Amino acid sequence: MIRRAKRKRWHEYEGNEYLRIGSYNIHGCHGVDRRYDTSRIAQVIEEMGCDTVGLQEVGVRAGVVDTAPQLDSLRAATGMEVIPGFTVVRHGGDFGNALLTRRKVLAVRRYDLSYGRREPRGALEVELAIGGERVHVIVTHLGLRPAERRFQVKKMLRVLHDIPKEQCVVVLGDINEWLPLGRPLRWLHGLLGRPPAERSFPVWLPVFALDRVWVRPHGALLTFGVHRSPTARVASDHYPVRALVAVHEHPRILPHA
C-alpha cells in the first residue's frame, strides 16, 4: 500500500524564501455591522500572518494627494510598506487597489482597466525581491458585468505574456466571477493553471469563491485557504484568502492553508 506524505500546514513552513501572501476586499473599512473601522481591518491583516497582502475596495477621497487616508491608517497599524493602485493614485473612482508588503520593492506598474462609463478599475503590478528572485505580484478587482470582466482579463493577459517565463508570478484579487465556468476564469486558468478555490463571500453565508490567487509556476503554490476569525466575520463583507508560495521549489499543490 502506498502511503501519502503528510501534508504540511501553514506554520510548518519556515524561511524567507516562502512568500506568504493574501488578498482581502476590505469594503472601504465598513463592516457588516455598518461601522467604519480601519483598526479591525488592520487586526485581520495581522491575524493572516502574511508578509504581503493585496487589498481591494480601499476608500478613496477626492483631494487627497498620493494615497487614501485608509492606507495611511493601515500603514501605521501594520508597519508594512503601502503601494497604492491606479484608481487610488488617480482618484478616478470611489475605491481602489493597494499592496501592503514587508518585502523589498523593485518596481511598480499601474494599469487602467476601466471599461466605458463603468466604475474605474485598475491592476497593480509590484515586483518584489524574495530569496534572490524577482517575483511579480498583480492585484486587481474586476468589474460587475460579464463584458467588463472579459475586457479587463484580456488586458491582464497581455501584461502576463510580457513577463519572462522564468520569473514567478502571483495574480490575486476579487475577480467578481460568480460562475465557475465563466470565460475570464477559463482564460486565467488556461495561462496560469487552475488553483484551489474556496468560498469567501459573503461572510454571513459564504457561497461564492470571488477571491482568488493564481501562481505561475502552478506547482509553486503550497497552500491556499480562507482566513476565518471572529474579527474577519464583521470587519468586511468578504473573508480574506491567503496562500503560501515557494519561490525556489515547485512541489504539487496542497489545497489547505
C-alpha atoms as a PDB file:
ATOM      1  CA  MET A   1       0.000   0.000   0.000  1.00  0.00           C
ATOM      2  CA  ILE A   2       1.312   3.457  -0.942  1.00  0.00           C
ATOM      3  CA  ARG A   3       1.340   5.920   1.940  1.00  0.00           C
ATOM      4  CA  ARG A   4       0.749   9.568   1.112  1.00  0.00           C
ATOM      5  CA  ALA A   5       3.121  12.119   2.571  1.00  0.00           C
ATOM      6  CA  LYS A   6       1.661  14.065   5.479  1.00  0.00           C
ATOM      7  CA  ARG A   7       0.506  17.500   4.389  1.00  0.00           C
ATOM      8  CA  LYS A   8       2.353  20.379   5.992  1.00  0.00           C
ATOM      9  CA  ARG A   9       0.394  23.264   7.433  1.00  0.00           C
ATOM     10  CA  TRP A  10       0.996  26.995   7.001  1.00  0.00           C
ATOM     11  CA  HIS A  11       3.003  27.403  10.207  1.00  0.00           C
ATOM     12  CA  GLU A  12       5.251  24.439   9.428  1.00  0.00           C
ATOM     13  CA  TYR A  13       6.944  26.230   6.527  1.00  0.00           C
ATOM     14  CA  GLU A  14       9.818  28.421   7.666  1.00  0.00           C
ATOM     15  CA  GLY A  15      12.205  30.753   5.869  1.00  0.00           C
ATOM     16  CA  ASN A  16      12.128  33.986   3.900  1.00  0.00           C
ATOM     17  CA  GLU A  17      12.168  32.087   0.601  1.00  0.00           C
ATOM     18  CA  TYR A  18       8.452  31.411   1.080  1.00  0.00           C
ATOM     19  CA  LEU A  19       6.075  34.213   0.087  1.00  0.00           C
ATOM     20  CA  ARG A  20       3.134  34.444   2.478  1.00  0.00           C
ATOM     21  CA  ILE A  21       0.567  36.398   0.540  1.00  0.00           C
ATOM     22  CA  GLY A  22      -3.082  37.271   0.968  1.00  0.00           C
ATOM     23  CA  SER A  23      -5.956  39.001  -0.793  1.00  0.00           C
ATOM     24  CA  TYR A  24      -8.610  40.996   1.054  1.00  0.00           C
ATOM     25  CA  ASN A  25     -11.562  43.055  -0.160  1.00  0.00           C
ATOM     26  CA  ILE A  26     -11.847  45.469   2.778  1.00  0.00           C
ATOM     27  CA  HIS A  27     -15.165  47.046   1.655  1.00  0.00           C
ATOM     28  CA  GLY A  28     -13.940  50.561   2.373  1.00  0.00           C
ATOM     29  CA  CYS A  29     -13.304  49.504   6.012  1.00  0.00           C
ATOM     30  CA  HIS A  30     -17.078  49.311   6.557  1.00  0.00           C
ATOM     31  CA  GLY A  31     -18.052  46.171   8.432  1.00  0.00           C
ATOM     32  CA  VAL A  32     -21.208  44.117   8.184  1.00  0.00           C
ATOM     33  CA  ASP A  33     -22.391  45.987  11.281  1.00  0.00           C
ATOM     34  CA  ARG A  34     -22.166  49.179   9.156  1.00  0.00           C
ATOM     35  CA  ARG A  35     -19.407  50.518  11.373  1.00  0.00           C
ATOM     36  CA  TYR A  36     -16.370  52.193   9.808  1.00  0.00           C
ATOM     37  CA  ASP A  37     -13.220  50.865  11.485  1.00  0.00           C
ATOM     38  CA  THR A  38      -9.728  50.682   9.981  1.00  0.00           C
ATOM     39  CA  SER A  39      -8.360  49.078  13.156  1.00  0.00           C
ATOM     40  CA  ARG A  40     -10.453  45.944  12.607  1.00  0.00           C
ATOM     41  CA  ILE A  41      -9.105  45.591   9.076  1.00  0.00           C
ATOM     42  CA  ALA A  42      -5.559  46.019  10.411  1.00  0.00           C
ATOM     43  CA  GLN A  43      -6.235  43.349  13.043  1.00  0.00           C
ATOM     44  CA  VAL A  44      -7.425  40.879  10.403  1.00  0.00           C
ATOM     45  CA  ILE A  45      -4.323  41.576   8.303  1.00  0.00           C
ATOM     46  CA  GLU A  46      -2.136  40.850  11.317  1.00  0.00           C
ATOM     47  CA  GLU A  47      -4.089  37.637  12.021  1.00  0.00           C
ATOM     48  CA  MET A  48      -3.453  36.403   8.478  1.00  0.00           C
ATOM     49  CA  GLY A  49       0.285  36.128   9.138  1.00  0.00           C
ATOM     50  CA  CYS A  50       1.206  37.310   5.643  1.00  0.00           C
ATOM     51  CA  ASP A  51       4.206  39.405   4.639  1.00  0.00           C
ATOM     52  CA  THR A  52       2.333  40.693   1.567  1.00  0.00           C
ATOM     53  CA  VAL A  53      -1.388  41.454   1.183  1.00  0.00           C
ATOM     54  CA  GLY A  54      -3.298  42.738  -1.839  1.00  0.00           C
ATOM     55  CA  LEU A  55      -6.285  44.921  -0.958  1.00  0.00           C
ATOM     56  CA  GLN A  56      -9.419  45.765  -2.893  1.00  0.00           C
ATOM     57  CA  GLU A  57     -12.049  48.458  -2.246  1.00  0.00           C
ATOM     58  CA  VAL A  58      -9.686  50.785  -0.438  1.00  0.00           C
ATOM     59  CA  GLY A  59     -11.642  54.004   0.102  1.00  0.00           C
ATOM     60  CA  VAL A  60     -10.507  56.992  -1.945  1.00  0.00           C
ATOM     61  CA  ARG A  61     -11.446  60.554  -1.117  1.00  0.00           C
ATOM     62  CA  ALA A  62     -11.156  63.379  -3.636  1.00  0.00           C
ATOM     63  CA  GLY A  63      -8.468  65.951  -2.951  1.00  0.00           C
ATOM     64  CA  VAL A  64      -6.076  63.626  -1.129  1.00  0.00           C
ATOM     65  CA  VAL A  65      -2.623  63.537  -2.681  1.00  0.00           C
ATOM     66  CA  ASP A  66      -0.853  60.227  -3.493  1.00  0.00           C
ATOM     67  CA  THR A  67      -2.766  57.941  -1.135  1.00  0.00           C
ATOM     68  CA  ALA A  68      -6.015  57.449   0.709  1.00  0.00           C
ATOM     69  CA  PRO A  69      -6.362  58.130   4.458  1.00  0.00           C
ATOM     70  CA  GLN A  70      -7.286  54.466   4.908  1.00  0.00           C
ATOM     71  CA  LEU A  71      -3.880  53.432   3.611  1.00  0.00           C
ATOM     72  CA  ASP A  72      -2.177  55.874   5.977  1.00  0.00           C
ATOM     73  CA  SER A  73      -4.006  54.230   8.871  1.00  0.00           C
ATOM     74  CA  LEU A  74      -3.174  50.702   7.706  1.00  0.00           C
ATOM     75  CA  ARG A  75       0.478  51.616   7.183  1.00  0.00           C
ATOM     76  CA  ALA A  76       0.705  52.954  10.722  1.00  0.00           C
ATOM     77  CA  ALA A  77      -1.144  49.988  12.243  1.00  0.00           C
ATOM     78  CA  THR A  78       0.708  47.194  10.398  1.00  0.00           C
ATOM     79  CA  GLY A  79       4.151  48.718   9.821  1.00  0.00           C
ATOM     80  CA  MET A  80       4.016  47.468   6.227  1.00  0.00           C
ATOM     81  CA  GLU A  81       5.008  49.415   3.139  1.00  0.00           C
ATOM     82  CA  VAL A  82       1.978  50.612   1.157  1.00  0.00           C
ATOM     83  CA  ILE A  83       1.814  50.773  -2.643  1.00  0.00           C
ATOM     84  CA  PRO A  84      -1.431  52.366  -3.906  1.00  0.00           C
ATOM     85  CA  GLY A  85      -3.039  51.219  -7.149  1.00  0.00           C
ATOM     86  CA  PHE A  86      -4.183  53.090 -10.239  1.00  0.00           C
ATOM     87  CA  THR A  87      -7.503  54.489  -9.063  1.00  0.00           C
ATOM     88  CA  VAL A  88      -6.095  55.394  -5.633  1.00  0.00           C
ATOM     89  CA  VAL A  89      -3.356  57.468  -7.272  1.00  0.00           C
ATOM     90  CA  ARG A  90      -5.627  58.912  -9.978  1.00  0.00           C
ATOM     91  CA  HIS A  91      -8.767  59.251  -7.818  1.00  0.00           C
ATOM     92  CA  GLY A  92     -10.871  58.064 -10.733  1.00  0.00           C
ATOM     93  CA  GLY A  93     -13.397  56.272  -8.554  1.00  0.00           C
ATOM     94  CA  ASP A  94     -14.638  55.634  -5.044  1.00  0.00           C
ATOM     95  CA  PHE A  95     -12.439  52.589  -4.444  1.00  0.00           C
ATOM     96  CA  GLY A  96      -9.057  51.230  -5.481  1.00  0.00           C
ATOM     97  CA  ASN A  97      -6.445  48.508  -5.059  1.00  0.00           C
ATOM     98  CA  ALA A  98      -3.278  48.541  -2.995  1.00  0.00           C
ATOM     99  CA  LEU A  99      -0.477  46.244  -1.873  1.00  0.00           C
ATOM    100  CA  LEU A 100       0.920  46.032   1.640  1.00  0.00           C
ATOM    101  CA  THR A 101       4.301  44.308   1.968  1.00  0.00           C
ATOM    102  CA  ARG A 102       7.302  43.735   4.190  1.00  0.00           C
ATOM    103  CA  ARG A 103       9.382  42.659   1.198  1.00  0.00           C
ATOM    104  CA  LYS A 104      11.808  44.767  -0.818  1.00  0.00           C
ATOM    105  CA  VAL A 105      10.012  46.507  -3.696  1.00  0.00           C
ATOM    106  CA  LEU A 106      11.906  46.515  -7.007  1.00  0.00           C
ATOM    107  CA  ALA A 107       9.377  48.086  -9.378  1.00  0.00           C
ATOM    108  CA  VAL A 108       5.767  49.289  -9.539  1.00  0.00           C
ATOM    109  CA  ARG A 109       3.445  49.442 -12.562  1.00  0.00           C
ATOM    110  CA  ARG A 110      -0.169  50.550 -12.700  1.00  0.00           C
ATOM    111  CA  TYR A 111      -2.690  49.654 -15.385  1.00  0.00           C
ATOM    112  CA  ASP A 112      -6.013  51.256 -16.232  1.00  0.00           C
ATOM    113  CA  LEU A 113      -8.668  48.558 -16.710  1.00  0.00           C
ATOM    114  CA  SER A 114     -11.631  50.932 -16.887  1.00  0.00           C
ATOM    115  CA  TYR A 115     -14.410  49.882 -19.234  1.00  0.00           C
ATOM    116  CA  GLY A 116     -16.576  52.525 -20.898  1.00  0.00           C
ATOM    117  CA  ARG A 117     -18.510  54.538 -18.365  1.00  0.00           C
ATOM    118  CA  ARG A 118     -18.428  51.828 -15.735  1.00  0.00           C
ATOM    119  CA  GLU A 119     -16.724  52.403 -12.383  1.00  0.00           C
ATOM    120  CA  PRO A 120     -12.962  52.940 -12.940  1.00  0.00           C
ATOM    121  CA  ARG A 121     -10.894  49.797 -12.351  1.00  0.00           C
ATOM    122  CA  GLY A 122      -7.212  49.021 -12.400  1.00  0.00           C
ATOM    123  CA  ALA A 123      -4.471  46.474 -11.819  1.00  0.00           C
ATOM    124  CA  LEU A 124      -1.348  46.992  -9.744  1.00  0.00           C
ATOM    125  CA  GLU A 125       1.857  45.105 -10.578  1.00  0.00           C
ATOM    126  CA  VAL A 126       4.615  45.123  -7.965  1.00  0.00           C
ATOM    127  CA  GLU A 127       7.950  43.337  -8.379  1.00  0.00           C
ATOM    128  CA  LEU A 128       9.313  42.002  -5.094  1.00  0.00           C
ATOM    129  CA  ALA A 129      12.742  40.623  -4.211  1.00  0.00           C
ATOM    130  CA  ILE A 130      12.355  37.246  -2.486  1.00  0.00           C
ATOM    131  CA  GLY A 131      15.265  34.912  -1.849  1.00  0.00           C
ATOM    132  CA  GLY A 132      17.307  36.441  -4.644  1.00  0.00           C
ATOM    133  CA  GLU A 133      14.431  36.036  -7.108  1.00  0.00           C
ATOM    134  CA  ARG A 134      12.188  38.594  -8.791  1.00  0.00           C
ATOM    135  CA  VAL A 135       8.509  37.891  -8.095  1.00  0.00           C
ATOM    136  CA  HIS A 136       5.671  39.727  -9.859  1.00  0.00           C
ATOM    137  CA  VAL A 137       2.528  40.312  -7.800  1.00  0.00           C
ATOM    138  CA  ILE A 138      -0.561  41.598  -9.626  1.00  0.00           C
ATOM    139  CA  VAL A 139      -3.521  42.873  -7.599  1.00  0.00           C
ATOM    140  CA  THR A 140      -6.864  43.565  -9.246  1.00  0.00           C
ATOM    141  CA  HIS A 141     -10.607  43.892  -8.710  1.00  0.00           C
ATOM    142  CA  LEU A 142     -12.670  43.093 -11.778  1.00  0.00           C
ATOM    143  CA  GLY A 143     -15.969  44.691 -12.761  1.00  0.00           C
ATOM    144  CA  LEU A 144     -19.511  43.549 -12.089  1.00  0.00           C
ATOM    145  CA  ARG A 145     -20.659  42.974 -15.688  1.00  0.00           C
ATOM    146  CA  PRO A 146     -19.509  39.984 -17.805  1.00  0.00           C
ATOM    147  CA  ALA A 147     -18.404  42.141 -20.767  1.00  0.00           C
ATOM    148  CA  GLU A 148     -16.434  44.337 -18.400  1.00  0.00           C
ATOM    149  CA  ARG A 149     -14.587  41.368 -16.872  1.00  0.00           C
ATOM    150  CA  ARG A 150     -13.798  39.895 -20.277  1.00  0.00           C
ATOM    151  CA  PHE A 151     -12.307  43.212 -21.409  1.00  0.00           C
ATOM    152  CA  GLN A 152     -10.249  43.503 -18.218  1.00  0.00           C
ATOM    153  CA  VAL A 153      -8.887  39.957 -18.264  1.00  0.00           C
ATOM    154  CA  LYS A 154      -7.827  40.313 -21.899  1.00  0.00           C
ATOM    155  CA  LYS A 155      -5.776  43.365 -20.924  1.00  0.00           C
ATOM    156  CA  MET A 156      -4.279  41.481 -17.977  1.00  0.00           C
ATOM    157  CA  LEU A 157      -3.354  38.539 -20.182  1.00  0.00           C
ATOM    158  CA  ARG A 158      -1.290  40.871 -22.378  1.00  0.00           C
ATOM    159  CA  VAL A 159       0.567  42.049 -19.275  1.00  0.00           C
ATOM    160  CA  LEU A 160       1.181  38.470 -18.158  1.00  0.00           C
ATOM    161  CA  HIS A 161       2.500  37.413 -21.570  1.00  0.00           C
ATOM    162  CA  ASP A 162       5.173  40.115 -21.311  1.00  0.00           C
ATOM    163  CA  ILE A 163       6.575  38.797 -18.009  1.00  0.00           C
ATOM    164  CA  PRO A 164       9.590  36.484 -18.551  1.00  0.00           C
ATOM    165  CA  LYS A 165       8.561  32.832 -18.239  1.00  0.00           C
ATOM    166  CA  GLU A 166      11.329  32.064 -15.730  1.00  0.00           C
ATOM    167  CA  GLN A 167      10.010  34.628 -13.213  1.00  0.00           C
ATOM    168  CA  CYS A 168       7.399  33.757 -10.592  1.00  0.00           C
ATOM    169  CA  VAL A 169       4.023  35.477 -10.927  1.00  0.00           C
ATOM    170  CA  VAL A 170       1.181  35.781  -8.413  1.00  0.00           C
ATOM    171  CA  VAL A 171      -2.194  37.150  -9.570  1.00  0.00           C
ATOM    172  CA  LEU A 172      -4.743  37.845  -6.874  1.00  0.00           C
ATOM    173  CA  GLY A 173      -7.879  39.808  -6.143  1.00  0.00           C
ATOM    174  CA  ASP A 174     -11.645  39.940  -6.130  1.00  0.00           C
ATOM    175  CA  ILE A 175     -12.432  38.532  -9.567  1.00  0.00           C
ATOM    176  CA  ASN A 176     -16.221  39.046  -9.244  1.00  0.00           C
ATOM    177  CA  GLU A 177     -16.795  35.933 -11.340  1.00  0.00           C
ATOM    178  CA  TRP A 178     -19.871  34.231  -9.911  1.00  0.00           C
ATOM    179  CA  LEU A 179     -19.948  31.364 -12.414  1.00  0.00           C
ATOM    180  CA  PRO A 180     -17.206  28.702 -12.115  1.00  0.00           C
ATOM    181  CA  LEU A 181     -17.115  28.272 -15.903  1.00  0.00           C
ATOM    182  CA  GLY A 182     -17.050  31.968 -16.809  1.00  0.00           C
ATOM    183  CA  ARG A 183     -14.717  32.906 -19.652  1.00  0.00           C
ATOM    184  CA  PRO A 184     -12.446  35.177 -17.553  1.00  0.00           C
ATOM    185  CA  LEU A 185     -11.748  32.298 -15.162  1.00  0.00           C
ATOM    186  CA  ARG A 186     -11.158  29.852 -18.020  1.00  0.00           C
ATOM    187  CA  TRP A 187      -8.716  32.256 -19.678  1.00  0.00           C
ATOM    188  CA  LEU A 188      -6.742  32.751 -16.471  1.00  0.00           C
ATOM    189  CA  HIS A 189      -6.755  29.021 -15.736  1.00  0.00           C
ATOM    190  CA  GLY A 190      -5.512  28.362 -19.263  1.00  0.00           C
ATOM    191  CA  LEU A 191      -2.491  30.610 -18.817  1.00  0.00           C
ATOM    192  CA  LEU A 192      -1.690  30.124 -15.133  1.00  0.00           C
ATOM    193  CA  GLY A 193      -3.213  26.759 -14.239  1.00  0.00           C
ATOM    194  CA  ARG A 194      -6.311  26.064 -12.176  1.00  0.00           C
ATOM    195  CA  PRO A 195      -5.703  26.770  -8.466  1.00  0.00           C
ATOM    196  CA  PRO A 196      -7.859  25.756  -5.497  1.00  0.00           C
ATOM    197  CA  ALA A 197     -10.898  27.933  -4.808  1.00  0.00           C
ATOM    198  CA  GLU A 198     -12.797  28.388  -1.555  1.00  0.00           C
ATOM    199  CA  ARG A 199     -15.962  30.296  -0.733  1.00  0.00           C
ATOM    200  CA  SER A 200     -15.196  33.695   0.767  1.00  0.00           C
ATOM    201  CA  PHE A 201     -18.303  35.837   0.107  1.00  0.00           C
ATOM    202  CA  PRO A 202     -20.489  36.907   1.800  1.00  0.00           C
ATOM    203  CA  VAL A 203     -19.122  36.408   5.315  1.00  0.00           C
ATOM    204  CA  TRP A 204     -22.543  35.640   6.860  1.00  0.00           C
ATOM    205  CA  LEU A 205     -23.104  32.753   4.420  1.00  0.00           C
ATOM    206  CA  PRO A 206     -20.107  32.134   2.117  1.00  0.00           C
ATOM    207  CA  VAL A 207     -21.367  30.677  -1.154  1.00  0.00           C
ATOM    208  CA  PHE A 208     -19.140  32.360  -3.776  1.00  0.00           C
ATOM    209  CA  ALA A 209     -15.412  31.948  -4.412  1.00  0.00           C
ATOM    210  CA  LEU A 210     -14.840  35.509  -5.619  1.00  0.00           C
ATOM    211  CA  ASP A 211     -11.392  35.989  -4.040  1.00  0.00           C
ATOM    212  CA  ARG A 212      -8.685  34.133  -5.951  1.00  0.00           C
ATOM    213  CA  VAL A 213      -4.935  33.536  -6.103  1.00  0.00           C
ATOM    214  CA  TRP A 214      -3.093  32.180  -9.154  1.00  0.00           C
ATOM    215  CA  VAL A 215       0.609  31.320  -9.149  1.00  0.00           C
ATOM    216  CA  ARG A 216       2.991  30.664 -12.022  1.00  0.00           C
ATOM    217  CA  PRO A 217       4.609  28.148 -11.987  1.00  0.00           C
ATOM    218  CA  HIS A 218       1.487  26.299 -10.947  1.00  0.00           C
ATOM    219  CA  GLY A 219       3.330  23.911  -8.612  1.00  0.00           C
ATOM    220  CA  ALA A 220       4.811  26.750  -6.533  1.00  0.00           C
ATOM    221  CA  LEU A 221       1.502  27.185  -4.705  1.00  0.00           C
ATOM    222  CA  LEU A 222       1.872  25.188  -1.484  1.00  0.00           C
ATOM    223  CA  THR A 223      -1.238  26.076   0.483  1.00  0.00           C
ATOM    224  CA  PHE A 224      -4.379  28.136  -0.026  1.00  0.00           C
ATOM    225  CA  GLY A 225      -7.303  28.871   2.230  1.00  0.00           C
ATOM    226  CA  VAL A 226      -9.852  31.327   3.575  1.00  0.00           C
ATOM    227  CA  HIS A 227      -8.974  33.131   6.806  1.00  0.00           C
ATOM    228  CA  ARG A 228     -11.966  32.994   9.117  1.00  0.00           C
ATOM    229  CA  SER A 229     -11.924  34.620  12.545  1.00  0.00           C
ATOM    230  CA  PRO A 230     -14.461  36.470  14.703  1.00  0.00           C
ATOM    231  CA  THR A 231     -12.977  39.810  13.645  1.00  0.00           C
ATOM    232  CA  ALA A 232     -12.912  38.866   9.953  1.00  0.00           C
ATOM    233  CA  ARG A 233     -16.571  37.887  10.278  1.00  0.00           C
ATOM    234  CA  VAL A 234     -17.564  41.526  10.961  1.00  0.00           C
ATOM    235  CA  ALA A 235     -14.755  43.714   9.541  1.00  0.00           C
ATOM    236  CA  SER A 236     -15.808  43.392   5.871  1.00  0.00           C
ATOM    237  CA  ASP A 237     -18.345  41.560   3.724  1.00  0.00           C
ATOM    238  CA  HIS A 238     -15.533  39.378   2.301  1.00  0.00           C
ATOM    239  CA  TYR A 239     -13.333  36.917   4.140  1.00  0.00           C
ATOM    240  CA  PRO A 240      -9.671  37.282   3.157  1.00  0.00           C
ATOM    241  CA  VAL A 241      -7.797  34.444   1.486  1.00  0.00           C
ATOM    242  CA  ARG A 242      -4.130  33.580   1.865  1.00  0.00           C
ATOM    243  CA  ALA A 243      -1.572  31.457   0.048  1.00  0.00           C
ATOM    244  CA  LEU A 244       1.938  30.163   0.606  1.00  0.00           C
ATOM    245  CA  VAL A 245       4.238  30.315  -2.425  1.00  0.00           C
ATOM    246  CA  ALA A 246       7.579  28.507  -2.808  1.00  0.00           C
ATOM    247  CA  VAL A 247       9.775  30.788  -4.873  1.00  0.00           C
ATOM    248  CA  HIS A 248      12.580  28.240  -5.390  1.00  0.00           C
ATOM    249  CA  GLU A 249      10.850  24.880  -5.196  1.00  0.00           C
ATOM    250  CA  HIS A 250       7.802  23.709  -7.092  1.00  0.00           C
ATOM    251  CA  PRO A 251       6.062  20.753  -5.427  1.00  0.00           C
ATOM    252  CA  ARG A 252       2.480  19.687  -6.027  1.00  0.00           C
ATOM    253  CA  ILE A 253      -0.283  21.964  -4.741  1.00  0.00           C
ATOM    254  CA  LEU A 254      -1.578  21.282  -1.240  1.00  0.00           C
ATOM    255  CA  PRO A 255      -5.100  22.693  -1.035  1.00  0.00           C
ATOM    256  CA  HIS A 256      -5.471  23.912   2.545  1.00  0.00           C
ATOM    257  CA  ALA A 257      -3.695  26.698   4.419  1.00  0.00           C
END
